Amino acid sequence: MKSMTSRLMIVAATLSLAACGGGGADEPEAPAEPEAAAPAAAEPQAAAPAEAPPPESTDTIDGTTLAEFTPDVAHGEEVFGQCQACHVLEPGQNRVGPSLAGIVGREAGTVEGFNYTPANANSGITWTPEKLFQYLENPQRVVPGTKMAFPGLSDGQDRADVIAYLEANAS
């Protein structure tokens, strides 16, 4: 039981680091806990990583498209409040996440001075409004392996609004 509790504590700490952008490839791994012998069936199997949609795809999980929504920049500013824990709109200011200044039309993984994961840097994505709409629904689906721990915005109107806000504040 003690070994299981220790493993759960390590998992919780790892998830906390990941949510804040930690857990990157440059960080040391936690020391391994000795494992008690257990039947193979007792260990959960790790899920295979999902395959990302092609870079040109903008298909969403909920089947909506950006064109279906009338964007509200003021509401987008409110929704962007969720992003501000990691991102800013000022050019050249990277935080836990890269600056989002000028994100619309930019190739993924190209903000100067930000240490991207290979998954993001090599995604082949250009951040069109439609691609952002898809990405913001579920970032891990669109770029499996990204260190962005944000679960996404399930509401299509919220996604449309935050994209309008980003475009209005392009810098």
Protein backbone atom coordinates (compact mmCIF):
# COMPACT_ATOMS: atom_id res chain seq x y z
CA MET A 1 0.00 0.00 0.00
CA LYS A 2 2.86 2.35 0.83
CA SER A 3 4.41 1.80 -2.62
CA MET A 4 1.06 2.58 -4.30
CA THR A 5 0.71 5.78 -2.23
CA SER A 6 4.24 6.83 -3.16
CA ARG A 7 3.55 6.25 -6.83
CA LEU A 8 0.33 8.25 -6.65
CA MET A 9 2.19 11.12 -5.01
CA ILE A 10 4.81 11.09 -7.79
CA VAL A 11 2.07 11.05 -10.44
CA ALA A 12 0.27 13.96 -8.74
CA ALA A 13 3.49 15.97 -8.54
CA THR A 14 4.27 15.26 -12.20
CA LEU A 15 0.79 16.36 -13.27
CA SER A 16 1.12 19.55 -11.21
CA LEU A 17 4.42 20.35 -12.92
CA ALA A 18 2.96 19.62 -16.34
CA ALA A 19 0.01 21.95 -15.68
CA CYS A 20 2.46 24.75 -15.02
CA GLY A 21 4.59 23.93 -18.05
CA GLY A 22 7.10 21.85 -16.10
CA GLY A 23 8.00 18.30 -16.88
CA GLY A 24 9.88 19.25 -20.03
CA ALA A 25 12.60 17.13 -21.58
CA ASP A 26 15.36 19.15 -19.93
CA GLU A 27 14.17 18.40 -16.40
CA PRO A 28 15.51 15.45 -14.43
CA GLU A 29 13.22 12.53 -13.85
CA ALA A 30 12.05 11.65 -10.36
CA PRO A 31 13.93 8.74 -8.82
CA ALA A 32 12.26 5.45 -9.55
CA GLU A 33 10.46 3.75 -6.69
CA PRO A 34 11.19 0.07 -6.22
CA GLU A 35 8.18 -1.85 -7.45
CA ALA A 36 6.65 -4.76 -5.66
CA ALA A 37 6.09 -7.86 -7.74
CA ALA A 38 2.51 -7.85 -8.97
CA PRO A 39 0.64 -9.81 -11.57
CA ALA A 40 0.89 -8.23 -15.03
CA ALA A 41 -2.89 -7.90 -15.21
CA ALA A 42 -2.88 -5.59 -12.15
CA GLU A 43 -0.88 -2.87 -13.93
CA PRO A 44 -2.90 -0.49 -16.13
CA GLN A 45 -1.80 -0.34 -19.76
CA ALA A 46 -0.69 3.03 -21.07
CA ALA A 47 -2.90 4.35 -23.84
CA ALA A 48 -1.24 4.67 -27.21
CA PRO A 49 -0.80 8.32 -28.16
CA ALA A 50 -3.60 9.58 -30.36
CA GLU A 51 -2.72 10.51 -33.90
CA ALA A 52 -3.03 14.21 -34.64
CA PRO A 53 -5.27 15.41 -37.42
CA PRO A 54 -3.27 16.50 -40.50
CA PRO A 55 -1.98 20.10 -40.30
CA GLU A 56 -4.43 21.20 -43.00
CA SER A 57 -7.44 19.68 -41.18
CA THR A 58 -9.69 21.94 -39.16
CA ASP A 59 -12.25 19.29 -38.19
CA THR A 60 -13.46 19.68 -34.62
CA ILE A 61 -14.68 17.08 -32.19
CA ASP A 62 -18.06 18.79 -31.85
CA GLY A 63 -18.41 19.22 -35.62
CA THR A 64 -18.67 23.02 -35.48
CA THR A 65 -16.74 25.48 -37.63
CA LEU A 66 -15.51 28.97 -36.84
CA ALA A 67 -17.78 30.39 -39.56
CA GLU A 68 -20.86 29.32 -37.57
CA PHE A 69 -20.18 31.88 -34.83
CA THR A 70 -20.40 35.65 -34.62
CA PRO A 71 -17.33 36.64 -32.63
CA ASP A 72 -17.50 38.96 -29.63
CA VAL A 73 -14.10 40.55 -28.95
CA ALA A 74 -15.13 41.82 -25.49
CA HIS A 75 -16.16 38.33 -24.41
CA GLY A 76 -12.97 36.98 -26.00
CA GLU A 77 -10.97 39.22 -23.66
CA GLU A 78 -12.79 37.63 -20.70
CA VAL A 79 -12.14 34.11 -22.02
CA PHE A 80 -8.48 35.01 -22.64
CA GLY A 81 -8.20 35.49 -18.86
CA GLN A 82 -7.85 31.69 -18.69
CA CYS A 83 -4.84 31.88 -21.02
CA GLN A 84 -3.04 34.63 -19.10
CA ALA A 85 -1.66 32.24 -16.51
CA CYS A 86 0.81 31.14 -19.20
CA HIS A 87 0.55 33.53 -22.18
CA VAL A 88 0.77 37.27 -22.85
CA LEU A 89 0.08 39.34 -25.95
CA GLU A 90 3.24 41.45 -25.72
CA PRO A 91 5.77 40.60 -28.43
CA GLY A 92 9.00 39.07 -27.16
CA GLN A 93 7.63 38.23 -23.72
CA ASN A 94 7.51 34.49 -23.21
CA ARG A 95 6.21 33.02 -20.00
CA VAL A 96 5.37 29.38 -19.31
CA GLY A 97 3.92 29.54 -22.82
CA PRO A 98 5.09 31.62 -25.77
CA SER A 99 3.87 35.14 -26.48
CA LEU A 100 0.66 35.04 -28.49
CA ALA A 101 1.36 38.38 -30.18
CA GLY A 102 0.74 37.88 -33.89
CA ILE A 103 -0.25 34.23 -33.48
CA VAL A 104 -2.79 34.34 -36.32
CA GLY A 105 -0.94 33.45 -39.52
CA ARG A 106 2.26 32.34 -37.76
CA GLU A 107 3.82 28.90 -38.12
CA ALA A 108 3.70 26.80 -34.95
CA GLY A 109 6.88 26.58 -32.90
CA THR A 110 8.51 29.74 -34.23
CA VAL A 111 8.42 32.30 -31.40
CA GLU A 112 11.99 33.46 -30.81
CA GLY A 113 13.41 32.35 -27.46
CA PHE A 114 10.69 29.85 -26.53
CA ASN A 115 11.66 26.21 -25.94
CA TYR A 116 8.97 24.27 -27.80
CA THR A 117 8.39 20.55 -27.61
CA PRO A 118 9.36 18.69 -30.80
CA ALA A 119 5.67 17.84 -31.20
CA ASN A 120 4.78 21.52 -31.55
CA ALA A 121 7.89 22.68 -33.41
CA ASN A 122 7.53 19.89 -35.99
CA SER A 123 3.73 19.93 -36.31
CA GLY A 124 3.66 21.69 -39.69
CA ILE A 125 0.77 23.85 -38.46
CA THR A 126 0.12 27.43 -39.49
CA TRP A 127 -2.15 29.13 -36.96
CA THR A 128 -5.05 30.21 -39.14
CA PRO A 129 -8.21 31.25 -37.27
CA GLU A 130 -9.80 27.93 -38.27
CA LYS A 131 -6.82 25.89 -37.03
CA LEU A 132 -6.82 27.83 -33.74
CA PHE A 133 -10.54 27.05 -33.45
CA GLN A 134 -9.76 23.35 -33.74
CA TYR A 135 -6.70 23.52 -31.44
CA LEU A 136 -8.43 25.44 -28.67
CA GLU A 137 -11.12 22.75 -28.48
CA ASN A 138 -8.55 20.15 -27.36
CA PRO A 139 -4.84 21.07 -27.68
CA GLN A 140 -3.59 17.55 -26.90
CA ARG A 141 -5.69 16.12 -29.74
CA VAL A 142 -4.29 18.52 -32.33
CA VAL A 143 -0.67 18.42 -31.12
CA PRO A 144 -0.16 15.20 -29.12
CA GLY A 145 2.88 15.68 -26.93
CA THR A 146 2.52 19.43 -26.51
CA LYS A 147 3.45 20.60 -23.02
CA MET A 148 0.38 22.84 -22.98
CA ALA A 149 -1.67 21.24 -20.23
CA PHE A 150 -4.80 23.33 -20.86
CA PRO A 151 -7.72 20.95 -21.51
CA GLY A 152 -9.35 23.24 -24.07
CA LEU A 153 -12.52 25.24 -24.58
CA SER A 154 -15.46 22.98 -25.34
CA ASP A 155 -17.78 25.89 -26.18
CA GLY A 156 -17.39 26.94 -29.82
CA GLN A 157 -18.54 30.49 -29.08
CA ASP A 158 -15.79 30.89 -26.47
CA ARG A 159 -13.22 29.67 -29.02
CA ALA A 160 -14.49 32.06 -31.69
CA ASP A 161 -14.46 34.95 -29.22
CA VAL A 162 -10.91 34.38 -27.97
CA ILE A 163 -9.64 34.10 -31.56
CA ALA A 164 -11.35 37.42 -32.39
CA TYR A 165 -9.65 38.94 -29.34
CA LEU A 166 -6.26 37.59 -30.44
CA GLU A 167 -6.78 39.01 -33.94
CA ALA A 168 -7.87 42.39 -32.56
CA ASN A 169 -4.74 42.55 -30.39
CA ALA A 170 -2.28 41.20 -32.93
CA SER A 171 0.52 43.72 -32.06
